[in-house]
Every structure is written in structure tokens, then in C-alpha cells.
Amino acid sequence: MLGEFFCVNVKATNQEVLEFISLGKELGAINNNVEEKTLSVLLDIVVEGISSNILYYSDEGEQIDLIKAWQQFVNLIIL
């Protein structure tokens, strides 16, 4: 599952993110009018926000719940 891949490989480089976005455009999953760098910045903002939120509540849940939360978040982004 892609969500699990990204949970394990969260520290993707900027170039890898741009390549992933380009692939999404080629496959028709991302509108060709959207600039890669703009989308990369927006994704970074969203990921940082979710990451901060998950870490904020990390002391209230078990580790497996946090991993599941990340997987669900990544799967939503990929959809």
C-alpha cells in the first residue's frame, strides 16, 4: 500500500516529491495546470500540520494508533 510506503519514507527529498507529482500528472491524477513546485509547497504545509497534530496527541494514544493515523492521512492525500 502506498500509505505504508510513505509512512516509512517520510523524509523524501524535494526532488523525489517533484518527481512523484510529475508522475501524477502523467497518469492524469493531477491537473496539468498545477505547477509542481506550488503543489510541493502545499503538500509540505499539509504534511507538517498533520505531523504536528499527530505528535501533539502522541502521549494520549498508542504507537500503533499513531501509525494508523499517518497511513490514513497519506491514503487520503493519494486519493
C-alpha atoms as a PDB file:
ATOM      1  CA  MET A   1       0.000   0.000   0.000  1.00  0.00           C
ATOM      2  CA  LEU A   2       1.334   3.456  -0.876  1.00  0.00           C
ATOM      3  CA  GLY A   3       0.352   4.832   2.518  1.00  0.00           C
ATOM      4  CA  GLU A   4       2.653   2.387   4.247  1.00  0.00           C
ATOM      5  CA  PHE A   5       5.471   3.260   1.815  1.00  0.00           C
ATOM      6  CA  PHE A   6       5.211   6.954   2.601  1.00  0.00           C
ATOM      7  CA  CYS A   7       4.911   6.366   6.338  1.00  0.00           C
ATOM      8  CA  VAL A   8       8.236   4.544   6.237  1.00  0.00           C
ATOM      9  CA  ASN A   9       9.833   7.015   3.814  1.00  0.00           C
ATOM     10  CA  VAL A  10       8.532  10.310   5.192  1.00  0.00           C
ATOM     11  CA  LYS A  11      11.825  12.112   4.612  1.00  0.00           C
ATOM     12  CA  ALA A  12      11.571  12.204   0.843  1.00  0.00           C
ATOM     13  CA  THR A  13      13.760  14.787  -0.817  1.00  0.00           C
ATOM     14  CA  ASN A  14      12.263  17.744  -2.609  1.00  0.00           C
ATOM     15  CA  GLN A  15      13.360  16.251  -5.943  1.00  0.00           C
ATOM     16  CA  GLU A  16      11.580  12.983  -5.141  1.00  0.00           C
ATOM     17  CA  VAL A  17       8.390  14.862  -4.311  1.00  0.00           C
ATOM     18  CA  LEU A  18       8.599  16.781  -7.588  1.00  0.00           C
ATOM     19  CA  GLU A  19       9.116  13.513  -9.480  1.00  0.00           C
ATOM     20  CA  PHE A  20       6.122  11.981  -7.697  1.00  0.00           C
ATOM     21  CA  ILE A  21       3.973  14.986  -8.671  1.00  0.00           C
ATOM     22  CA  SER A  22       5.190  14.760 -12.280  1.00  0.00           C
ATOM     23  CA  LEU A  23       4.235  11.093 -12.342  1.00  0.00           C
ATOM     24  CA  GLY A  24       0.798  12.003 -11.021  1.00  0.00           C
ATOM     25  CA  LYS A  25       0.414  14.491 -13.861  1.00  0.00           C
ATOM     26  CA  GLU A  26       1.486  11.918 -16.443  1.00  0.00           C
ATOM     27  CA  LEU A  27      -1.063   9.456 -15.083  1.00  0.00           C
ATOM     28  CA  GLY A  28      -3.790  12.102 -15.147  1.00  0.00           C
ATOM     29  CA  ALA A  29      -4.240  12.104 -11.367  1.00  0.00           C
ATOM     30  CA  ILE A  30      -3.067  15.721 -11.053  1.00  0.00           C
ATOM     31  CA  ASN A  31      -4.231  18.627 -13.186  1.00  0.00           C
ATOM     32  CA  ASN A  32      -1.521  19.625 -15.679  1.00  0.00           C
ATOM     33  CA  ASN A  33      -2.177  23.324 -14.994  1.00  0.00           C
ATOM     34  CA  VAL A  34      -0.889  22.991 -11.419  1.00  0.00           C
ATOM     35  CA  GLU A  35       2.797  23.848 -11.004  1.00  0.00           C
ATOM     36  CA  GLU A  36       4.896  21.131  -9.382  1.00  0.00           C
ATOM     37  CA  LYS A  37       6.721  23.476  -7.012  1.00  0.00           C
ATOM     38  CA  THR A  38       3.485  25.087  -5.829  1.00  0.00           C
ATOM     39  CA  LEU A  39       1.902  21.708  -5.150  1.00  0.00           C
ATOM     40  CA  SER A  40       5.076  20.539  -3.410  1.00  0.00           C
ATOM     41  CA  VAL A  41       4.953  23.515  -1.026  1.00  0.00           C
ATOM     42  CA  LEU A  42       1.243  22.980  -0.333  1.00  0.00           C
ATOM     43  CA  LEU A  43       1.779  19.282   0.369  1.00  0.00           C
ATOM     44  CA  ASP A  44       4.661  20.142   2.699  1.00  0.00           C
ATOM     45  CA  ILE A  45       2.435  22.548   4.645  1.00  0.00           C
ATOM     46  CA  VAL A  46      -0.319  19.948   4.964  1.00  0.00           C
ATOM     47  CA  VAL A  47       2.090  17.181   5.991  1.00  0.00           C
ATOM     48  CA  GLU A  48       3.772  19.404   8.586  1.00  0.00           C
ATOM     49  CA  GLY A  49       0.386  20.395  10.010  1.00  0.00           C
ATOM     50  CA  ILE A  50      -0.827  16.820  10.278  1.00  0.00           C
ATOM     51  CA  SER A  51       2.538  15.704  11.645  1.00  0.00           C
ATOM     52  CA  SER A  52       2.425  18.369  14.354  1.00  0.00           C
ATOM     53  CA  ASN A  53      -1.135  17.412  15.234  1.00  0.00           C
ATOM     54  CA  ILE A  54      -0.328  13.694  15.457  1.00  0.00           C
ATOM     55  CA  LEU A  55       2.780  14.379  17.547  1.00  0.00           C
ATOM     56  CA  TYR A  56       0.796  16.713  19.831  1.00  0.00           C
ATOM     57  CA  TYR A  57      -1.567  13.870  20.715  1.00  0.00           C
ATOM     58  CA  SER A  58       1.123  11.162  20.724  1.00  0.00           C
ATOM     59  CA  ASP A  59       1.185  10.895  24.506  1.00  0.00           C
ATOM     60  CA  GLU A  60      -2.554  10.156  24.573  1.00  0.00           C
ATOM     61  CA  GLY A  61      -2.516   7.135  22.267  1.00  0.00           C
ATOM     62  CA  GLU A  62      -0.619   4.003  21.482  1.00  0.00           C
ATOM     63  CA  GLN A  63       2.072   3.919  18.815  1.00  0.00           C
ATOM     64  CA  ILE A  64       0.026   1.630  16.564  1.00  0.00           C
ATOM     65  CA  ASP A  65      -2.809   4.190  16.580  1.00  0.00           C
ATOM     66  CA  LEU A  66      -0.380   6.916  15.509  1.00  0.00           C
ATOM     67  CA  ILE A  67       0.918   4.762  12.665  1.00  0.00           C
ATOM     68  CA  LYS A  68      -2.645   4.060  11.533  1.00  0.00           C
ATOM     69  CA  ALA A  69      -3.426   7.787  11.654  1.00  0.00           C
ATOM     70  CA  TRP A  70      -0.437   8.512   9.405  1.00  0.00           C
ATOM     71  CA  GLN A  71      -1.412   5.749   6.988  1.00  0.00           C
ATOM     72  CA  GLN A  72      -4.969   7.073   6.727  1.00  0.00           C
ATOM     73  CA  PHE A  73      -3.711  10.609   6.172  1.00  0.00           C
ATOM     74  CA  VAL A  74      -1.327   9.555   3.402  1.00  0.00           C
ATOM     75  CA  ASN A  75      -4.009   7.454   1.739  1.00  0.00           C
ATOM     76  CA  LEU A  76      -6.322  10.490   1.725  1.00  0.00           C
ATOM     77  CA  ILE A  77      -3.666  12.630   0.061  1.00  0.00           C
ATOM     78  CA  ILE A  78      -3.029   9.993  -2.578  1.00  0.00           C
ATOM     79  CA  LEU A  79      -6.733   9.686  -3.393  1.00  0.00           C
END
